Amino acid sequence: MESPHYGYGLPPDISTHGASVDLLIHVVHVFMICLFVGWGIFFVYTLIRFRKRPGHQASYLSSTSKFPKYIEVFVVLFEVFLLVGLSFPVWSKYKIGFPAEQDSFVVRVVAQQFVWNIHYPGDDKKFGRIDNKLMSDSNPLGIDASDSASWDDVVAINQFHLPVHKPVIAHLSSKDVIHSFGVPVLRVKQDNMPGMVIPIWFEATQTGSFEIACSQLCGVGHGLMKGMLLVDKPEDFEKWWQEQPKQFKPKTPAAPKVSNQSNTTEKVKG
């Protein structure tokens, strides 16, 4: 897997909706630069034009010029364009326009101090039942092994494998405090709230290894709460999946050993 190249601009974009987000960011920055430079020029002009000098007296009457009003109207109209023309479509597509679950790769991402737990539902596409009383170091999510739906489930720590060019629906939650699932290359950032399940979706367009960061201060180990997003080719993901142990599947009991003691005794008697 190739690592992304980070330059001086925005992080690499490997998301289907990343271009729309980047366009909004660029337009906002250009607009703010224009406002900053324009108002700076205006302030310098007023300092020079209305400076104190002999033969001039200050006037405290308001200006009758309509130019400032034109500027205000332009700024308001442009902000409306930013909201209605750029922001709302991106927000609607990313937050509301979810793909169908049957056509998506569905996972659970459970945050805790200071790791990311990735819960895969298995080949049956069903998550096993969760019981908080079953939580332990070996079973951080409290998955109930008595539920047959959990027998093919897989739980990974800080390693989020997913196939490329496949919509992913991630259900975010937290075991303890507020965390934030942040993947800059996917233009994804969403809080993991305790007591809530928040779905997000994205689709990766490139393979590679990328960092998952917690974007919300969550304790003394916040800076160490890092995971890896591993975007695989379909065949590589399938190979990885087949190698994962199904830790919740009941172990088949070994066949009882047949004792030869009775046969030996009969031979001795004979």
Protein backbone atom coordinates (compact mmCIF):
# COMPACT_ATOMS: atom_id res chain seq x y z
CA MET A 1 0.00 0.00 0.00
CA GLU A 2 1.21 3.47 -0.85
CA SER A 3 1.17 6.19 1.76
CA PRO A 4 -0.40 9.53 0.78
CA HIS A 5 1.76 12.51 -0.10
CA TYR A 6 1.00 15.52 2.08
CA GLY A 7 2.00 18.92 0.72
CA TYR A 8 1.29 22.47 1.85
CA GLY A 9 -2.36 22.48 0.80
CA LEU A 10 -5.28 20.30 1.72
CA PRO A 11 -4.70 16.61 2.48
CA PRO A 12 -5.03 14.15 -0.41
CA ASP A 13 -8.63 13.46 -1.39
CA ILE A 14 -9.71 9.82 -1.74
CA SER A 15 -13.44 10.33 -1.20
CA THR A 16 -16.29 10.55 -3.69
CA HIS A 17 -17.63 13.68 -1.97
CA GLY A 18 -14.23 15.22 -1.23
CA ALA A 19 -14.15 17.40 -4.35
CA SER A 20 -17.38 19.17 -3.33
CA VAL A 21 -16.03 19.80 0.17
CA ASP A 22 -12.73 21.11 -1.20
CA LEU A 23 -14.53 23.41 -3.65
CA LEU A 24 -16.50 24.94 -0.79
CA ILE A 25 -13.32 25.41 1.26
CA HIS A 26 -11.49 27.07 -1.64
CA VAL A 27 -14.37 29.40 -2.51
CA VAL A 28 -14.75 30.49 1.14
CA HIS A 29 -11.02 31.17 1.45
CA VAL A 30 -10.88 33.17 -1.80
CA PHE A 31 -13.93 35.17 -0.73
CA MET A 32 -12.42 35.94 2.69
CA ILE A 33 -9.11 36.97 1.11
CA CYS A 34 -10.96 39.34 -1.22
CA LEU A 35 -12.86 40.86 1.72
CA PHE A 36 -9.68 41.19 3.76
CA VAL A 37 -7.70 42.86 0.95
CA GLY A 38 -10.64 45.05 -0.09
CA TRP A 39 -11.35 46.35 3.42
CA GLY A 40 -7.61 46.82 4.00
CA ILE A 41 -7.33 49.01 0.92
CA PHE A 42 -10.42 50.96 2.00
CA PHE A 43 -9.03 51.60 5.50
CA VAL A 44 -5.68 52.79 4.12
CA TYR A 45 -7.54 55.07 1.70
CA THR A 46 -9.63 56.65 4.49
CA LEU A 47 -6.53 57.19 6.66
CA ILE A 48 -4.88 59.11 3.84
CA ARG A 49 -7.93 60.82 2.34
CA PHE A 50 -9.37 62.07 5.62
CA ARG A 51 -6.17 62.74 7.56
CA LYS A 52 -5.86 65.89 9.64
CA ARG A 53 -4.25 68.73 7.67
CA PRO A 54 -4.47 72.55 7.44
CA GLY A 55 -7.57 73.94 5.79
CA HIS A 56 -9.72 70.85 6.41
CA GLN A 57 -12.32 70.41 9.10
CA ALA A 58 -13.78 67.12 10.24
CA SER A 59 -17.38 66.41 9.25
CA TYR A 60 -19.56 64.28 11.50
CA LEU A 61 -22.42 63.85 9.04
CA SER A 62 -23.05 60.37 7.60
CA SER A 63 -22.05 59.73 4.02
CA THR A 64 -24.71 59.85 1.32
CA SER A 65 -22.78 57.52 -0.97
CA LYS A 66 -24.60 54.32 -1.99
CA PHE A 67 -21.36 52.41 -2.62
CA PRO A 68 -21.19 50.83 0.89
CA LYS A 69 -24.76 49.59 0.49
CA TYR A 70 -23.85 47.92 -2.81
CA ILE A 71 -20.99 46.16 -1.05
CA GLU A 72 -23.30 44.97 1.73
CA VAL A 73 -25.83 43.62 -0.79
CA PHE A 74 -23.06 41.81 -2.69
CA VAL A 75 -21.72 40.20 0.49
CA VAL A 76 -25.19 39.06 1.57
CA LEU A 77 -25.99 37.61 -1.86
CA PHE A 78 -22.65 35.79 -2.01
CA GLU A 79 -23.19 34.29 1.44
CA VAL A 80 -26.61 33.08 0.31
CA PHE A 81 -24.90 31.46 -2.69
CA LEU A 82 -22.38 29.78 -0.37
CA LEU A 83 -25.18 28.32 1.73
CA VAL A 84 -27.78 27.43 -0.89
CA GLY A 85 -25.54 26.78 -3.89
CA LEU A 86 -22.59 24.98 -2.28
CA SER A 87 -23.08 24.07 1.39
CA PHE A 88 -26.63 22.68 1.36
CA PRO A 89 -26.04 20.24 -1.57
CA VAL A 90 -22.88 18.85 0.03
CA TRP A 91 -24.53 18.53 3.44
CA SER A 92 -27.65 16.91 1.94
CA LYS A 93 -25.66 14.34 -0.03
CA TYR A 94 -23.35 13.46 2.83
CA LYS A 95 -25.75 13.59 5.78
CA ILE A 96 -29.05 12.57 4.20
CA GLY A 97 -28.39 10.81 0.90
CA PHE A 98 -27.26 7.48 2.34
CA PRO A 99 -26.79 4.54 -0.02
CA ALA A 100 -28.87 1.40 0.49
CA GLU A 101 -27.46 -0.86 3.20
CA GLN A 102 -27.74 -3.96 1.01
CA ASP A 103 -25.38 -2.30 -1.48
CA SER A 104 -22.98 -1.00 1.18
CA PHE A 105 -20.28 -2.22 3.50
CA VAL A 106 -21.75 -1.77 7.00
CA VAL A 107 -19.61 -1.63 10.15
CA ARG A 108 -19.72 -0.32 13.71
CA VAL A 109 -16.99 2.04 14.97
CA VAL A 110 -16.94 2.13 18.77
CA ALA A 111 -14.54 4.60 20.37
CA GLN A 112 -13.08 4.25 23.84
CA GLN A 113 -10.14 5.70 25.73
CA PHE A 114 -7.90 5.39 23.74
CA VAL A 115 -8.59 2.96 20.89
CA TRP A 116 -10.94 2.44 17.95
CA ASN A 117 -12.98 -0.78 17.97
CA ILE A 118 -14.13 -1.86 14.51
CA HIS A 119 -17.01 -4.36 14.53
CA TYR A 120 -17.67 -6.26 11.29
CA PRO A 121 -21.00 -8.12 11.04
CA GLY A 122 -19.71 -11.17 9.18
CA ASP A 123 -21.00 -12.94 6.09
CA ASP A 124 -24.58 -13.02 7.37
CA LYS A 125 -24.61 -9.18 7.40
CA LYS A 126 -26.02 -9.23 10.94
CA PHE A 127 -24.36 -7.82 14.06
CA GLY A 128 -24.31 -10.06 17.08
CA ARG A 129 -26.23 -9.08 20.18
CA ILE A 130 -24.45 -6.70 22.59
CA ASP A 131 -24.52 -7.02 26.38
CA ASN A 132 -22.62 -4.49 28.47
CA LYS A 133 -22.21 -7.07 31.23
CA LEU A 134 -20.03 -9.17 28.90
CA MET A 135 -17.48 -6.41 28.26
CA SER A 136 -13.92 -7.38 29.11
CA ASP A 137 -10.38 -6.86 27.83
CA SER A 138 -10.84 -9.78 25.41
CA ASN A 139 -14.39 -8.73 24.48
CA PRO A 140 -14.36 -4.90 24.55
CA LEU A 141 -17.77 -4.58 22.89
CA GLY A 142 -19.58 -7.15 25.01
CA ILE A 143 -20.64 -9.31 22.07
CA ASP A 144 -22.86 -12.19 23.18
CA ALA A 145 -21.39 -15.45 21.87
CA SER A 146 -24.66 -17.25 22.59
CA ASP A 147 -26.27 -15.32 19.74
CA SER A 148 -25.75 -17.21 16.47
CA ALA A 149 -25.59 -13.90 14.58
CA SER A 150 -22.29 -13.12 16.35
CA TRP A 151 -20.52 -16.36 15.42
CA ASP A 152 -19.05 -14.92 12.22
CA ASP A 153 -18.50 -11.39 13.59
CA VAL A 154 -15.00 -9.92 13.65
CA VAL A 155 -13.66 -7.20 15.94
CA ALA A 156 -10.46 -5.34 15.04
CA ILE A 157 -8.56 -2.83 17.18
CA ASN A 158 -7.26 0.32 15.44
CA GLN A 159 -7.24 -1.47 12.07
CA PHE A 160 -10.12 -0.47 9.81
CA HIS A 161 -10.01 -2.54 6.61
CA LEU A 162 -12.48 -1.74 3.84
CA PRO A 163 -12.75 -2.40 0.10
CA VAL A 164 -12.12 0.36 -2.41
CA HIS A 165 -14.99 1.71 -4.56
CA LYS A 166 -17.58 0.40 -2.11
CA PRO A 167 -19.97 2.65 -0.14
CA VAL A 168 -19.29 2.30 3.57
CA ILE A 169 -21.90 2.97 6.26
CA ALA A 170 -20.28 3.33 9.69
CA HIS A 171 -22.38 3.47 12.85
CA LEU A 172 -20.41 5.56 15.34
CA SER A 173 -20.74 5.29 19.12
CA SER A 174 -18.61 5.62 22.25
CA LYS A 175 -18.10 3.52 25.37
CA ASP A 176 -17.04 6.36 27.67
CA VAL A 177 -16.55 10.01 26.69
CA ILE A 178 -17.01 12.11 23.55
CA HIS A 179 -14.57 11.20 20.81
CA SER A 180 -14.49 12.29 17.16
CA PHE A 181 -13.87 10.00 14.20
CA GLY A 182 -11.63 12.00 11.89
CA VAL A 183 -10.18 10.84 8.56
CA PRO A 184 -8.88 13.90 6.67
CA VAL A 185 -8.32 12.10 3.36
CA LEU A 186 -12.00 11.08 3.34
CA ARG A 187 -13.13 14.57 4.44
CA VAL A 188 -14.86 12.83 7.34
CA LYS A 189 -15.18 14.17 10.87
CA GLN A 190 -18.02 13.15 13.18
CA ASP A 191 -18.33 13.01 16.96
CA ASN A 192 -18.76 9.64 18.70
CA MET A 193 -21.29 10.35 21.43
CA PRO A 194 -21.83 8.07 24.45
CA GLY A 195 -25.39 6.76 24.51
CA MET A 196 -25.95 7.57 20.82
CA VAL A 197 -25.40 5.81 17.50
CA ILE A 198 -24.58 8.23 14.67
CA PRO A 199 -24.39 6.85 11.12
CA ILE A 200 -22.06 8.29 8.50
CA TRP A 201 -21.16 7.12 5.03
CA PHE A 202 -18.30 7.54 2.60
CA GLU A 203 -16.67 5.81 -0.34
CA ALA A 204 -12.92 5.52 -0.86
CA THR A 205 -11.62 5.89 -4.40
CA GLN A 206 -7.98 4.91 -3.82
CA THR A 207 -6.19 2.12 -2.04
CA GLY A 208 -3.64 2.89 0.63
CA SER A 209 -2.96 3.27 4.33
CA PHE A 210 -4.31 6.39 6.05
CA GLU A 211 -4.54 7.69 9.60
CA ILE A 212 -7.64 7.77 11.77
CA ALA A 213 -7.37 10.49 14.40
CA CYS A 214 -9.53 11.44 17.34
CA SER A 215 -10.51 15.05 16.69
CA GLN A 216 -11.99 15.69 20.14
CA LEU A 217 -9.96 16.06 23.34
CA CYS A 218 -10.87 12.88 25.23
CA GLY A 219 -8.32 12.52 28.03
CA VAL A 220 -4.63 12.28 28.79
CA GLY A 221 -4.07 9.72 26.02
CA HIS A 222 -5.90 11.73 23.35
CA GLY A 223 -2.77 12.26 21.26
CA LEU A 224 -2.10 8.52 21.19
CA MET A 225 -5.59 7.57 19.98
CA LYS A 226 -4.66 6.80 16.41
CA GLY A 227 -5.88 4.07 14.10
CA MET A 228 -5.21 3.05 10.52
CA LEU A 229 -7.67 3.08 7.66
CA LEU A 230 -6.58 0.40 5.21
CA VAL A 231 -8.31 0.66 1.83
CA ASP A 232 -7.82 -2.63 0.00
CA LYS A 233 -8.49 -3.96 -3.44
CA PRO A 234 -11.49 -6.33 -3.35
CA GLU A 235 -9.29 -9.42 -3.67
CA ASP A 236 -6.91 -8.18 -0.95
CA PHE A 237 -9.80 -7.42 1.36
CA GLU A 238 -11.28 -10.87 0.79
CA LYS A 239 -7.92 -12.47 1.59
CA TRP A 240 -7.66 -10.43 4.79
CA TRP A 241 -11.22 -11.32 5.74
CA GLN A 242 -10.66 -15.05 5.33
CA GLU A 243 -7.63 -14.83 7.62
CA GLN A 244 -9.57 -13.25 10.49
CA PRO A 245 -10.42 -15.57 13.40
CA LYS A 246 -14.08 -15.88 14.30
CA GLN A 247 -13.52 -15.49 18.03
CA PHE A 248 -17.21 -15.73 18.95
CA LYS A 249 -17.90 -19.00 17.13
CA PRO A 250 -18.43 -21.94 19.52
CA LYS A 251 -15.54 -24.35 19.42
CA THR A 252 -16.42 -27.84 18.19
CA PRO A 253 -15.84 -30.30 21.05
CA ALA A 254 -13.11 -32.84 20.42
CA ALA A 255 -14.19 -36.42 19.77
CA PRO A 256 -13.90 -38.60 22.90
CA LYS A 257 -10.90 -40.89 22.98
CA VAL A 258 -11.65 -44.62 22.96
CA SER A 259 -9.88 -46.35 25.82
CA ASN A 260 -8.09 -49.62 25.11
CA GLN A 261 -8.00 -50.58 28.79
CA SER A 262 -10.91 -53.09 28.54
CA ASN A 263 -9.35 -54.83 25.53
CA THR A 264 -6.04 -55.12 27.29
CA THR A 265 -7.71 -56.60 30.40
CA GLU A 266 -9.51 -59.24 28.33
CA LYS A 267 -6.29 -60.27 26.68
CA VAL A 268 -4.56 -60.67 30.04
CA LYS A 269 -7.43 -62.83 31.37
CA GLY A 270 -7.33 -64.99 28.29
